[in-house]
Amino acid sequence: MGMTGDYEVAIEEGATMIRVGTGIFGARTRNGESRA
């Protein structure tokens, strides 16, 4: 399984599942920080 940041390598290595949350929703914010 790969993630947004390494999906190309994950596919090359035979991954059949990819997590794309960051690619869709953007990076997480820490508590107290706003996205604006």
N, C-alpha and C. Protein backbone atom coordinates (compact mmCIF):
# COMPACT_ATOMS: atom_id res chain seq x y z
N MET A 1 0.85 -1.18 0.00
CA MET A 1 0.00 0.00 0.00
C MET A 1 0.89 1.23 0.00
N GLY A 2 0.54 2.16 -0.85
CA GLY A 2 1.26 3.42 -0.90
C GLY A 2 0.38 4.56 -0.45
N MET A 3 1.00 5.74 -0.34
CA MET A 3 0.26 6.94 0.04
C MET A 3 0.51 8.01 -1.01
N THR A 4 -0.17 9.14 -0.89
CA THR A 4 -0.09 10.20 -1.90
C THR A 4 1.35 10.54 -2.27
N GLY A 5 2.21 10.67 -1.28
CA GLY A 5 3.58 11.12 -1.52
C GLY A 5 4.48 10.10 -2.18
N ASP A 6 4.11 8.83 -2.16
CA ASP A 6 4.99 7.81 -2.72
C ASP A 6 4.26 6.82 -3.62
N TYR A 7 3.14 7.24 -4.17
CA TYR A 7 2.33 6.29 -4.94
C TYR A 7 3.05 5.74 -6.16
N GLU A 8 3.90 6.54 -6.80
CA GLU A 8 4.60 6.04 -7.99
C GLU A 8 5.52 4.88 -7.64
N VAL A 9 6.28 5.04 -6.56
CA VAL A 9 7.17 3.96 -6.11
C VAL A 9 6.35 2.77 -5.65
N ALA A 10 5.26 3.04 -4.95
CA ALA A 10 4.42 1.94 -4.46
C ALA A 10 3.89 1.10 -5.62
N ILE A 11 3.46 1.76 -6.69
CA ILE A 11 2.97 1.03 -7.87
C ILE A 11 4.09 0.22 -8.50
N GLU A 12 5.27 0.83 -8.61
CA GLU A 12 6.42 0.10 -9.18
C GLU A 12 6.74 -1.14 -8.36
N GLU A 13 6.53 -1.05 -7.05
CA GLU A 13 6.84 -2.16 -6.15
C GLU A 13 5.70 -3.17 -6.04
N GLY A 14 4.61 -2.93 -6.76
CA GLY A 14 3.53 -3.90 -6.79
C GLY A 14 2.34 -3.60 -5.90
N ALA A 15 2.26 -2.40 -5.35
CA ALA A 15 1.12 -2.06 -4.50
C ALA A 15 -0.18 -2.12 -5.30
N THR A 16 -1.21 -2.59 -4.65
CA THR A 16 -2.53 -2.65 -5.29
C THR A 16 -3.52 -1.70 -4.63
N MET A 17 -3.08 -1.02 -3.57
CA MET A 17 -3.93 -0.05 -2.88
C MET A 17 -3.13 1.22 -2.65
N ILE A 18 -3.75 2.37 -2.84
CA ILE A 18 -3.10 3.66 -2.63
C ILE A 18 -4.01 4.53 -1.79
N ARG A 19 -3.47 5.16 -0.74
CA ARG A 19 -4.22 6.14 0.05
C ARG A 19 -3.96 7.51 -0.56
N VAL A 20 -5.00 8.23 -0.91
CA VAL A 20 -4.82 9.53 -1.56
C VAL A 20 -5.45 10.68 -0.77
N GLY A 21 -5.62 10.51 0.51
CA GLY A 21 -6.26 11.55 1.33
C GLY A 21 -5.60 12.91 1.21
N THR A 22 -4.27 12.97 1.33
CA THR A 22 -3.57 14.25 1.24
C THR A 22 -3.73 14.85 -0.15
N GLY A 23 -3.71 14.03 -1.17
CA GLY A 23 -3.89 14.51 -2.53
C GLY A 23 -5.25 15.13 -2.77
N ILE A 24 -6.25 14.66 -2.05
CA ILE A 24 -7.61 15.18 -2.21
C ILE A 24 -7.90 16.31 -1.22
N PHE A 25 -7.56 16.09 0.04
CA PHE A 25 -7.95 17.02 1.10
C PHE A 25 -6.86 17.98 1.52
N GLY A 26 -5.63 17.78 1.09
CA GLY A 26 -4.52 18.64 1.50
C GLY A 26 -3.91 18.14 2.80
N ALA A 27 -2.84 18.79 3.20
CA ALA A 27 -2.12 18.39 4.40
C ALA A 27 -2.97 18.67 5.64
N ARG A 28 -2.75 17.87 6.66
CA ARG A 28 -3.45 18.08 7.93
C ARG A 28 -2.93 19.34 8.61
N THR A 29 -3.80 19.96 9.40
CA THR A 29 -3.36 21.08 10.23
C THR A 29 -3.25 20.59 11.66
N ARG A 30 -2.42 21.25 12.42
CA ARG A 30 -2.30 20.92 13.84
C ARG A 30 -3.40 21.64 14.59
N ASN A 31 -3.71 21.16 15.79
CA ASN A 31 -4.74 21.81 16.60
C ASN A 31 -4.39 23.28 16.81
N GLY A 32 -5.38 24.15 16.63
CA GLY A 32 -5.16 25.58 16.84
C GLY A 32 -4.75 26.32 15.59
N GLU A 33 -4.40 25.63 14.53
CA GLU A 33 -4.03 26.29 13.27
C GLU A 33 -5.23 26.29 12.35
N SER A 34 -5.38 27.35 11.59
CA SER A 34 -6.48 27.39 10.62
C SER A 34 -5.94 27.12 9.23
N ARG A 35 -6.82 26.74 8.32
CA ARG A 35 -6.42 26.47 6.94
C ARG A 35 -6.37 27.74 6.10
N ALA A 36 -6.90 28.83 6.59
CA ALA A 36 -6.99 30.06 5.80
C ALA A 36 -5.68 30.73 5.60
